[in-house]
Amino acid sequence: LGRGQAIYVKHGLPHNCLDTHDFLPEGVELQGIQLTIRDQVWRIYNVYAHVDKLYIAHNWDFLEKLSDVPRTKFLIAGDFNARSKEWGNATENRQGIALS
């Protein structure tokens, strides 16, 4: 299934792995951790969207759910396999249109 995605956390930095199974649309892999930095709770997510799957806009609704945690900052990064002219790509695809 996976292509070797990972989130590296410095040894000794307290963190918790998040259960992300409830958020996933088909064709998306997701990892998440929660940690506290200077009394601020952070959630960091790593996304991999398979290039061979077709996406439509509602498939990306899970990004809204990931960020909907009160008093928590978040960072969502990864490989979305998205291309959009808005970001300087010469071509665009469905993923890029849905995300832009």
PDB file of N, CA and C in Angstrom:
ATOM      1  N   LEU A   1       0.829  -1.188   0.000  1.00  0.00           N
ATOM      2  CA  LEU A   1       0.000   0.000   0.000  1.00  0.00           C
ATOM      3  C   LEU A   1       0.872   1.249   0.000  1.00  0.00           C
ATOM      4  N   GLY A   2       1.753   1.387   0.984  1.00  0.00           N
ATOM      5  CA  GLY A   2       2.522   2.609   1.145  1.00  0.00           C
ATOM      6  C   GLY A   2       3.787   2.647   0.326  1.00  0.00           C
ATOM      7  N   ARG A   3       4.316   3.840   0.186  1.00  0.00           N
ATOM      8  CA  ARG A   3       5.562   4.040  -0.539  1.00  0.00           C
ATOM      9  C   ARG A   3       6.654   4.550   0.388  1.00  0.00           C
ATOM     10  N   GLY A   4       6.509   4.308   1.683  1.00  0.00           N
ATOM     11  CA  GLY A   4       7.571   4.655   2.608  1.00  0.00           C
ATOM     12  C   GLY A   4       7.472   6.051   3.184  1.00  0.00           C
ATOM     13  N   GLN A   5       6.301   6.531   3.484  1.00  0.00           N
ATOM     14  CA  GLN A   5       6.174   7.843   4.091  1.00  0.00           C
ATOM     15  C   GLN A   5       6.526   7.753   5.574  1.00  0.00           C
ATOM     16  N   ALA A   6       7.010   8.866   6.140  1.00  0.00           N
ATOM     17  CA  ALA A   6       7.408   8.871   7.547  1.00  0.00           C
ATOM     18  C   ALA A   6       7.363  10.289   8.096  1.00  0.00           C
ATOM     19  N   ILE A   7       7.186  10.382   9.402  1.00  0.00           N
ATOM     20  CA  ILE A   7       7.349  11.634  10.133  1.00  0.00           C
ATOM     21  C   ILE A   7       8.468  11.386  11.131  1.00  0.00           C
ATOM     22  N   TYR A   8       9.528  12.160  11.058  1.00  0.00           N
ATOM     23  CA  TYR A   8      10.653  12.014  11.978  1.00  0.00           C
ATOM     24  C   TYR A   8      10.430  12.920  13.182  1.00  0.00           C
ATOM     25  N   VAL A   9      10.574  12.357  14.376  1.00  0.00           N
ATOM     26  CA  VAL A   9      10.453  13.121  15.613  1.00  0.00           C
ATOM     27  C   VAL A   9      11.759  12.959  16.380  1.00  0.00           C
ATOM     28  N   LYS A  10      12.349  14.067  16.783  1.00  0.00           N
ATOM     29  CA  LYS A  10      13.610  14.040  17.520  1.00  0.00           C
ATOM     30  C   LYS A  10      13.480  13.165  18.766  1.00  0.00           C
ATOM     31  N   HIS A  11      14.494  12.353  19.004  1.00  0.00           N
ATOM     32  CA  HIS A  11      14.525  11.472  20.173  1.00  0.00           C
ATOM     33  C   HIS A  11      14.338  12.297  21.450  1.00  0.00           C
ATOM     34  N   GLY A  12      13.457  11.841  22.293  1.00  0.00           N
ATOM     35  CA  GLY A  12      13.219  12.522  23.562  1.00  0.00           C
ATOM     36  C   GLY A  12      12.120  13.566  23.518  1.00  0.00           C
ATOM     37  N   LEU A  13      11.621  13.894  22.329  1.00  0.00           N
ATOM     38  CA  LEU A  13      10.533  14.866  22.216  1.00  0.00           C
ATOM     39  C   LEU A  13       9.211  14.131  22.410  1.00  0.00           C
ATOM     40  N   PRO A  14       8.491  14.410  23.497  1.00  0.00           N
ATOM     41  CA  PRO A  14       7.236  13.685  23.751  1.00  0.00           C
ATOM     42  C   PRO A  14       6.205  13.948  22.647  1.00  0.00           C
ATOM     43  N   HIS A  15       5.597  12.881  22.178  1.00  0.00           N
ATOM     44  CA  HIS A  15       4.591  12.988  21.119  1.00  0.00           C
ATOM     45  C   HIS A  15       3.669  11.777  21.182  1.00  0.00           C
ATOM     46  N   ASN A  16       2.556  11.879  20.498  1.00  0.00           N
ATOM     47  CA  ASN A  16       1.600  10.781  20.376  1.00  0.00           C
ATOM     48  C   ASN A  16       1.273  10.583  18.905  1.00  0.00           C
ATOM     49  N   CYS A  17       1.182   9.336  18.489  1.00  0.00           N
ATOM     50  CA  CYS A  17       0.708   9.029  17.138  1.00  0.00           C
ATOM     51  C   CYS A  17      -0.814   9.151  17.132  1.00  0.00           C
ATOM     52  N   LEU A  18      -1.352   9.726  16.064  1.00  0.00           N
ATOM     53  CA  LEU A  18      -2.796   9.931  15.952  1.00  0.00           C
ATOM     54  C   LEU A  18      -3.430   8.840  15.095  1.00  0.00           C
ATOM     55  N   ASP A  19      -4.618   8.437  15.468  1.00  0.00           N
ATOM     56  CA  ASP A  19      -5.392   7.499  14.661  1.00  0.00           C
ATOM     57  C   ASP A  19      -6.073   8.297  13.554  1.00  0.00           C
ATOM     58  N   THR A  20      -5.683   8.050  12.321  1.00  0.00           N
ATOM     59  CA  THR A  20      -6.184   8.833  11.190  1.00  0.00           C
ATOM     60  C   THR A  20      -7.115   8.034  10.280  1.00  0.00           C
ATOM     61  N   HIS A  21      -7.456   6.824  10.655  1.00  0.00           N
ATOM     62  CA  HIS A  21      -8.247   5.965   9.771  1.00  0.00           C
ATOM     63  C   HIS A  21      -9.632   6.527   9.445  1.00  0.00           C
ATOM     64  N   ASP A  22     -10.237   7.270  10.356  1.00  0.00           N
ATOM     65  CA  ASP A  22     -11.583   7.802  10.117  1.00  0.00           C
ATOM     66  C   ASP A  22     -11.611   8.934   9.094  1.00  0.00           C
ATOM     67  N   PHE A  23     -10.446   9.484   8.749  1.00  0.00           N
ATOM     68  CA  PHE A  23     -10.387  10.644   7.865  1.00  0.00           C
ATOM     69  C   PHE A  23     -10.152  10.285   6.398  1.00  0.00           C
ATOM     70  N   LEU A  24      -9.781   9.057   6.116  1.00  0.00           N
ATOM     71  CA  LEU A  24      -9.196   8.741   4.824  1.00  0.00           C
ATOM     72  C   LEU A  24     -10.181   8.446   3.703  1.00  0.00           C
ATOM     73  N   PRO A  25     -10.096   9.225   2.614  1.00  0.00           N
ATOM     74  CA  PRO A  25     -10.803   8.821   1.399  1.00  0.00           C
ATOM     75  C   PRO A  25      -9.958   7.773   0.662  1.00  0.00           C
ATOM     76  N   GLU A  26     -10.539   7.112  -0.308  1.00  0.00           N
ATOM     77  CA  GLU A  26      -9.807   6.109  -1.077  1.00  0.00           C
ATOM     78  C   GLU A  26      -8.624   6.744  -1.793  1.00  0.00           C
ATOM     79  N   GLY A  27      -7.498   6.053  -1.804  1.00  0.00           N
ATOM     80  CA  GLY A  27      -6.324   6.518  -2.530  1.00  0.00           C
ATOM     81  C   GLY A  27      -5.441   7.479  -1.770  1.00  0.00           C
ATOM     82  N   VAL A  28      -5.701   7.681  -0.479  1.00  0.00           N
ATOM     83  CA  VAL A  28      -4.903   8.608   0.325  1.00  0.00           C
ATOM     84  C   VAL A  28      -4.333   7.865   1.526  1.00  0.00           C
ATOM     85  N   GLU A  29      -3.048   8.071   1.776  1.00  0.00           N
ATOM     86  CA  GLU A  29      -2.411   7.555   2.981  1.00  0.00           C
ATOM     87  C   GLU A  29      -2.121   8.745   3.883  1.00  0.00           C
ATOM     88  N   LEU A  30      -2.238   8.545   5.184  1.00  0.00           N
ATOM     89  CA  LEU A  30      -2.115   9.654   6.123  1.00  0.00           C
ATOM     90  C   LEU A  30      -1.480   9.181   7.421  1.00  0.00           C
ATOM     91  N   GLN A  31      -0.519   9.949   7.896  1.00  0.00           N
ATOM     92  CA  GLN A  31       0.081   9.749   9.212  1.00  0.00           C
ATOM     93  C   GLN A  31      -0.106  11.034   9.991  1.00  0.00           C
ATOM     94  N   GLY A  32      -0.195  10.924  11.307  1.00  0.00           N
ATOM     95  CA  GLY A  32      -0.327  12.120  12.129  1.00  0.00           C
ATOM     96  C   GLY A  32       0.294  11.931  13.495  1.00  0.00           C
ATOM     97  N   ILE A  33       0.849  13.015  14.011  1.00  0.00           N
ATOM     98  CA  ILE A  33       1.367  13.028  15.374  1.00  0.00           C
ATOM     99  C   ILE A  33       0.855  14.273  16.077  1.00  0.00           C
ATOM    100  N   GLN A  34       0.834  14.220  17.391  1.00  0.00           N
ATOM    101  CA  GLN A  34       0.506  15.387  18.205  1.00  0.00           C
ATOM    102  C   GLN A  34       1.641  15.587  19.188  1.00  0.00           C
ATOM    103  N   LEU A  35       2.070  16.832  19.318  1.00  0.00           N
ATOM    104  CA  LEU A  35       3.118  17.160  20.274  1.00  0.00           C
ATOM    105  C   LEU A  35       2.891  18.553  20.815  1.00  0.00           C
ATOM    106  N   THR A  36       3.569  18.861  21.896  1.00  0.00           N
ATOM    107  CA  THR A  36       3.447  20.181  22.518  1.00  0.00           C
ATOM    108  C   THR A  36       4.799  20.874  22.439  1.00  0.00           C
ATOM    109  N   ILE A  37       4.782  22.092  21.898  1.00  0.00           N
ATOM    110  CA  ILE A  37       5.992  22.903  21.781  1.00  0.00           C
ATOM    111  C   ILE A  37       5.703  24.242  22.439  1.00  0.00           C
ATOM    112  N   ARG A  38       6.466  24.570  23.479  1.00  0.00           N
ATOM    113  CA  ARG A  38       6.291  25.829  24.223  1.00  0.00           C
ATOM    114  C   ARG A  38       4.831  26.038  24.624  1.00  0.00           C
ATOM    115  N   ASP A  39       4.260  25.043  25.242  1.00  0.00           N
ATOM    116  CA  ASP A  39       2.886  25.073  25.755  1.00  0.00           C
ATOM    117  C   ASP A  39       1.819  25.199  24.668  1.00  0.00           C
ATOM    118  N   GLN A  40       2.171  24.949  23.424  1.00  0.00           N
ATOM    119  CA  GLN A  40       1.207  24.985  22.327  1.00  0.00           C
ATOM    120  C   GLN A  40       1.085  23.589  21.722  1.00  0.00           C
ATOM    121  N   VAL A  41      -0.154  23.084  21.641  1.00  0.00           N
ATOM    122  CA  VAL A  41      -0.393  21.765  21.055  1.00  0.00           C
ATOM    123  C   VAL A  41      -0.381  21.880  19.530  1.00  0.00           C
ATOM    124  N   TRP A  42       0.375  20.995  18.897  1.00  0.00           N
ATOM    125  CA  TRP A  42       0.476  20.929  17.443  1.00  0.00           C
ATOM    126  C   TRP A  42       0.060  19.550  16.958  1.00  0.00           C
ATOM    127  N   ARG A  43      -0.611  19.509  15.829  1.00  0.00           N
ATOM    128  CA  ARG A  43      -0.856  18.265  15.108  1.00  0.00           C
ATOM    129  C   ARG A  43      -0.174  18.394  13.752  1.00  0.00           C
ATOM    130  N   ILE A  44       0.643  17.412  13.432  1.00  0.00           N
ATOM    131  CA  ILE A  44       1.388  17.412  12.179  1.00  0.00           C
ATOM    132  C   ILE A  44       0.965  16.180  11.389  1.00  0.00           C
ATOM    133  N   TYR A  45       0.573  16.413  10.139  1.00  0.00           N
ATOM    134  CA  TYR A  45       0.091  15.337   9.282  1.00  0.00           C
ATOM    135  C   TYR A  45       0.952  15.222   8.033  1.00  0.00           C
ATOM    136  N   ASN A  46       1.139  13.993   7.591  1.00  0.00           N
ATOM    137  CA  ASN A  46       1.860  13.680   6.370  1.00  0.00           C
ATOM    138  C   ASN A  46       0.889  12.946   5.440  1.00  0.00           C
ATOM    139  N   VAL A  47       0.649  13.507   4.264  1.00  0.00           N
ATOM    140  CA  VAL A  47      -0.331  12.974   3.317  1.00  0.00           C
ATOM    141  C   VAL A  47       0.391  12.425   2.087  1.00  0.00           C
ATOM    142  N   TYR A  48      -0.059  11.291   1.616  1.00  0.00           N
ATOM    143  CA  TYR A  48       0.361  10.806   0.297  1.00  0.00           C
ATOM    144  C   TYR A  48      -0.893  10.457  -0.491  1.00  0.00           C
ATOM    145  N   ALA A  49      -1.086  11.136  -1.610  1.00  0.00           N
ATOM    146  CA  ALA A  49      -2.224  10.874  -2.494  1.00  0.00           C
ATOM    147  C   ALA A  49      -1.707  10.114  -3.711  1.00  0.00           C
ATOM    148  N   HIS A  50      -2.232   8.928  -3.930  1.00  0.00           N
ATOM    149  CA  HIS A  50      -1.785   8.098  -5.046  1.00  0.00           C
ATOM    150  C   HIS A  50      -2.091   8.781  -6.370  1.00  0.00           C
ATOM    151  N   VAL A  51      -1.112   8.798  -7.249  1.00  0.00           N
ATOM    152  CA  VAL A  51      -1.243   9.492  -8.527  1.00  0.00           C
ATOM    153  C   VAL A  51      -2.216   8.778  -9.468  1.00  0.00           C
ATOM    154  N   ASP A  52      -2.412   7.486  -9.303  1.00  0.00           N
ATOM    155  CA  ASP A  52      -3.251   6.746 -10.240  1.00  0.00           C
ATOM    156  C   ASP A  52      -4.734   6.754  -9.887  1.00  0.00           C
ATOM    157  N   LYS A  53      -5.111   7.461  -8.833  1.00  0.00           N
ATOM    158  CA  LYS A  53      -6.520   7.557  -8.448  1.00  0.00           C
ATOM    159  C   LYS A  53      -7.094   8.872  -8.970  1.00  0.00           C
ATOM    160  N   LEU A  54      -8.353   8.859  -9.345  1.00  0.00           N
ATOM    161  CA  LEU A  54      -9.019  10.085  -9.774  1.00  0.00           C
ATOM    162  C   LEU A  54      -9.676  10.738  -8.569  1.00  0.00           C
ATOM    163  N   TYR A  55      -9.501  12.034  -8.431  1.00  0.00           N
ATOM    164  CA  TYR A  55     -10.043  12.758  -7.283  1.00  0.00           C
ATOM    165  C   TYR A  55     -11.061  13.782  -7.750  1.00  0.00           C
ATOM    166  N   ILE A  56     -12.066  13.982  -6.935  1.00  0.00           N
ATOM    167  CA  ILE A  56     -12.994  15.083  -7.135  1.00  0.00           C
ATOM    168  C   ILE A  56     -12.995  15.901  -5.853  1.00  0.00           C
ATOM    169  N   ALA A  57     -13.554  17.075  -5.907  1.00  0.00           N
ATOM    170  CA  ALA A  57     -13.408  18.032  -4.797  1.00  0.00           C
ATOM    171  C   ALA A  57     -13.799  17.460  -3.438  1.00  0.00           C
ATOM    172  N   HIS A  58     -14.871  16.682  -3.344  1.00  0.00           N
ATOM    173  CA  HIS A  58     -15.308  16.230  -2.021  1.00  0.00           C
ATOM    174  C   HIS A  58     -14.320  15.266  -1.375  1.00  0.00           C
ATOM    175  N   ASN A  59     -13.424  14.664  -2.156  1.00  0.00           N
ATOM    176  CA  ASN A  59     -12.422  13.785  -1.568  1.00  0.00           C
ATOM    177  C   ASN A  59     -11.453  14.539  -0.659  1.00  0.00           C
ATOM    178  N   TRP A  60     -11.341  15.829  -0.821  1.00  0.00           N
ATOM    179  CA  TRP A  60     -10.381  16.607  -0.040  1.00  0.00           C
ATOM    180  C   TRP A  60     -11.016  17.192   1.214  1.00  0.00           C
ATOM    181  N   ASP A  61     -12.281  16.880   1.478  1.00  0.00           N
ATOM    182  CA  ASP A  61     -12.938  17.370   2.689  1.00  0.00           C
ATOM    183  C   ASP A  61     -12.229  16.914   3.957  1.00  0.00           C
ATOM    184  N   PHE A  62     -11.497  15.809   3.884  1.00  0.00           N
ATOM    185  CA  PHE A  62     -10.807  15.326   5.076  1.00  0.00           C
ATOM    186  C   PHE A  62      -9.785  16.338   5.592  1.00  0.00           C
ATOM    187  N   LEU A  63      -9.265  17.212   4.726  1.00  0.00           N
ATOM    188  CA  LEU A  63      -8.317  18.237   5.178  1.00  0.00           C
ATOM    189  C   LEU A  63      -8.984  19.199   6.158  1.00  0.00           C
ATOM    190  N   GLU A  64     -10.251  19.531   5.916  1.00  0.00           N
ATOM    191  CA  GLU A  64     -10.995  20.391   6.841  1.00  0.00           C
ATOM    192  C   GLU A  64     -11.159  19.713   8.195  1.00  0.00           C
ATOM    193  N   LYS A  65     -11.450  18.419   8.193  1.00  0.00           N
ATOM    194  CA  LYS A  65     -11.625  17.686   9.449  1.00  0.00           C
ATOM    195  C   LYS A  65     -10.332  17.642  10.257  1.00  0.00           C
ATOM    196  N   LEU A  66      -9.204  17.513   9.568  1.00  0.00           N
ATOM    197  CA  LEU A  66      -7.918  17.460  10.266  1.00  0.00           C
ATOM    198  C   LEU A  66      -7.625  18.749  11.021  1.00  0.00           C
ATOM    199  N   SER A  67      -8.064  19.862  10.476  1.00  0.00           N
ATOM    200  CA  SER A  67      -7.763  21.165  11.075  1.00  0.00           C
ATOM    201  C   SER A  67      -8.828  21.625  12.060  1.00  0.00           C
ATOM    202  N   ASP A  68      -9.847  20.825  12.291  1.00  0.00           N
ATOM    203  CA  ASP A  68     -10.973  21.221  13.136  1.00  0.00           C
ATOM    204  C   ASP A  68     -10.813  20.717  14.573  1.00  0.00           C
ATOM    205  N   VAL A  69      -9.727  21.124  15.220  1.00  0.00           N
ATOM    206  CA  VAL A  69      -9.476  20.754  16.617  1.00  0.00           C
ATOM    207  C   VAL A  69      -9.222  22.050  17.391  1.00  0.00           C
ATOM    208  N   PRO A  70     -10.099  22.399  18.333  1.00  0.00           N
ATOM    209  CA  PRO A  70      -9.946  23.662  19.068  1.00  0.00           C
ATOM    210  C   PRO A  70      -8.597  23.763  19.789  1.00  0.00           C
ATOM    211  N   ARG A  71      -8.079  24.972  19.842  1.00  0.00           N
ATOM    212  CA  ARG A  71      -6.852  25.296  20.572  1.00  0.00           C
ATOM    213  C   ARG A  71      -5.646  24.462  20.134  1.00  0.00           C
ATOM    214  N   THR A  72      -5.650  24.061  18.877  1.00  0.00           N
ATOM    215  CA  THR A  72      -4.556  23.251  18.352  1.00  0.00           C
ATOM    216  C   THR A  72      -4.084  23.837  17.034  1.00  0.00           C
ATOM    217  N   LYS A  73      -2.773  24.026  16.927  1.00  0.00           N
ATOM    218  CA  LYS A  73      -2.195  24.438  15.653  1.00  0.00           C
ATOM    219  C   LYS A  73      -1.953  23.177  14.837  1.00  0.00           C
ATOM    220  N   PHE A  74      -1.892  23.326  13.515  1.00  0.00           N
ATOM    221  CA  PHE A  74      -1.697  22.147  12.686  1.00  0.00           C
ATOM    222  C   PHE A  74      -0.836  22.471  11.475  1.00  0.00           C
ATOM    223  N   LEU A  75      -0.195  21.444  10.965  1.00  0.00           N
ATOM    224  CA  LEU A  75       0.597  21.518   9.746  1.00  0.00           C
ATOM    225  C   LEU A  75       0.251  20.283   8.926  1.00  0.00           C
ATOM    226  N   ILE A  76      -0.148  20.501   7.684  1.00  0.00           N
ATOM    227  CA  ILE A  76      -0.457  19.403   6.778  1.00  0.00           C
ATOM    228  C   ILE A  76       0.503  19.518   5.604  1.00  0.00           C
ATOM    229  N   ALA A  77       1.291  18.468   5.391  1.00  0.00           N
ATOM    230  CA  ALA A  77       2.281  18.463   4.315  1.00  0.00           C
ATOM    231  C   ALA A  77       2.279  17.089   3.661  1.00  0.00           C
ATOM    232  N   GLY A  78       2.995  16.963   2.573  1.00  0.00           N
ATOM    233  CA  GLY A  78       3.117  15.665   1.936  1.00  0.00           C
ATOM    234  C   GLY A  78       3.103  15.770   0.425  1.00  0.00           C
ATOM    235  N   ASP A  79       2.824  14.651  -0.205  1.00  0.00           N
ATOM    236  CA  ASP A  79       2.789  14.561  -1.657  1.00  0.00           C
ATOM    237  C   ASP A  79       1.338  14.365  -2.090  1.00  0.00           C
ATOM    238  N   PHE A  80       0.740  15.430  -2.575  1.00  0.00           N
ATOM    239  CA  PHE A  80      -0.653  15.393  -3.008  1.00  0.00           C
ATOM    240  C   PHE A  80      -0.783  15.023  -4.487  1.00  0.00           C
ATOM    241  N   ASN A  81       0.352  14.905  -5.175  1.00  0.00           N
ATOM    242  CA  ASN A  81       0.334  14.650  -6.618  1.00  0.00           C
ATOM    243  C   ASN A  81      -0.619  15.608  -7.321  1.00  0.00           C
ATOM    244  N   ALA A  82      -0.574  16.869  -6.917  1.00  0.00           N
ATOM    245  CA  ALA A  82      -1.462  17.900  -7.450  1.00  0.00           C
ATOM    246  C   ALA A  82      -0.661  18.900  -8.280  1.00  0.00           C
ATOM    247  N   ARG A  83      -1.252  19.300  -9.391  1.00  0.00           N
ATOM    248  CA  ARG A  83      -0.640  20.307 -10.251  1.00  0.00           C
ATOM    249  C   ARG A  83      -1.687  21.373 -10.562  1.00  0.00           C
ATOM    250  N   SER A  84      -1.249  22.632 -10.422  1.00  0.00           N
ATOM    251  CA  SER A  84      -2.159  23.734 -10.703  1.00  0.00           C
ATOM    252  C   SER A  84      -1.379  24.877 -11.333  1.00  0.00           C
ATOM    253  N   LYS A  85      -1.975  25.533 -12.293  1.00  0.00           N
ATOM    254  CA  LYS A  85      -1.348  26.704 -12.900  1.00  0.00           C
ATOM    255  C   LYS A  85      -1.196  27.826 -11.882  1.00  0.00           C
ATOM    256  N   GLU A  86      -2.069  27.835 -10.856  1.00  0.00           N
ATOM    257  CA  GLU A  86      -1.972  28.848  -9.802  1.00  0.00           C
ATOM    258  C   GLU A  86      -0.657  28.755  -9.040  1.00  0.00           C
ATOM    259  N   TRP A  87      -0.040  27.584  -9.047  1.00  0.00           N
ATOM    260  CA  TRP A  87       1.224  27.375  -8.331  1.00  0.00           C
ATOM    261  C   TRP A  87       2.413  27.385  -9.272  1.00  0.00           C
ATOM    262  N   GLY A  88       2.187  27.750 -10.535  1.00  0.00           N
ATOM    263  CA  GLY A  88       3.279  27.855 -11.487  1.00  0.00           C
ATOM    264  C   GLY A  88       3.509  26.627 -12.351  1.00  0.00           C
ATOM    265  N   ASN A  89       2.667  25.606 -12.241  1.00  0.00           N
ATOM    266  CA  ASN A  89       2.799  24.440 -13.109  1.00  0.00           C
ATOM    267  C   ASN A  89       2.309  24.785 -14.509  1.00  0.00           C
ATOM    268  N   ALA A  90       2.914  24.177 -15.511  1.00  0.00           N
ATOM    269  CA  ALA A  90       2.479  24.392 -16.889  1.00  0.00           C
ATOM    270  C   ALA A  90       1.146  23.704 -17.168  1.00  0.00           C
ATOM    271  N   THR A  91       0.874  22.627 -16.449  1.00  0.00           N
ATOM    272  CA  THR A  91      -0.375  21.886 -16.627  1.00  0.00           C
ATOM    273  C   THR A  91      -1.087  21.781 -15.286  1.00  0.00           C
ATOM    274  N   GLU A  92      -2.344  21.365 -15.328  1.00  0.00           N
ATOM    275  CA  GLU A  92      -3.052  21.107 -14.076  1.00  0.00           C
ATOM    276  C   GLU A  92      -3.777  19.775 -14.170  1.00  0.00           C
ATOM    277  N   ASN A  93      -4.083  19.224 -12.998  1.00  0.00           N
ATOM    278  CA  ASN A  93      -4.837  17.978 -12.942  1.00  0.00           C
ATOM    279  C   ASN A  93      -5.986  18.144 -11.956  1.00  0.00           C
ATOM    280  N   ARG A  94      -6.809  17.109 -11.836  1.00  0.00           N
ATOM    281  CA  ARG A  94      -7.990  17.203 -10.968  1.00  0.00           C
ATOM    282  C   ARG A  94      -7.619  17.489  -9.518  1.00  0.00           C
ATOM    283  N   GLN A  95      -6.533  16.881  -9.051  1.00  0.00           N
ATOM    284  CA  GLN A  95      -6.109  17.128  -7.681  1.00  0.00           C
ATOM    285  C   GLN A  95      -5.770  18.605  -7.476  1.00  0.00           C
ATOM    286  N   GLY A  96      -5.042  19.186  -8.417  1.00  0.00           N
ATOM    287  CA  GLY A  96      -4.661  20.590  -8.317  1.00  0.00           C
ATOM    288  C   GLY A  96      -5.852  21.526  -8.367  1.00  0.00           C
ATOM    289  N   ILE A  97      -6.800  21.223  -9.230  1.00  0.00           N
ATOM    290  CA  ILE A  97      -8.011  22.048  -9.326  1.00  0.00           C
ATOM    291  C   ILE A  97      -8.798  21.975  -8.027  1.00  0.00           C
ATOM    292  N   ALA A  98      -8.932  20.773  -7.465  1.00  0.00           N
ATOM    293  CA  ALA A  98      -9.692  20.609  -6.220  1.00  0.00           C
ATOM    294  C   ALA A  98      -9.026  21.318  -5.049  1.00  0.00           C
ATOM    295  N   LEU A  99      -7.704  21.329  -5.003  1.00  0.00           N
ATOM    296  CA  LEU A  99      -6.995  21.934  -3.870  1.00  0.00           C
ATOM    297  C   LEU A  99      -6.808  23.437  -4.007  1.00  0.00           C
ATOM    298  N   SER A 100      -6.861  23.971  -5.224  1.00  0.00           N
ATOM    299  CA  SER A 100      -6.593  25.405  -5.412  1.00  0.00           C
ATOM    300  C   SER A 100      -7.809  26.269  -5.364  1.00  0.00           C
TER     301      SER A 100
END
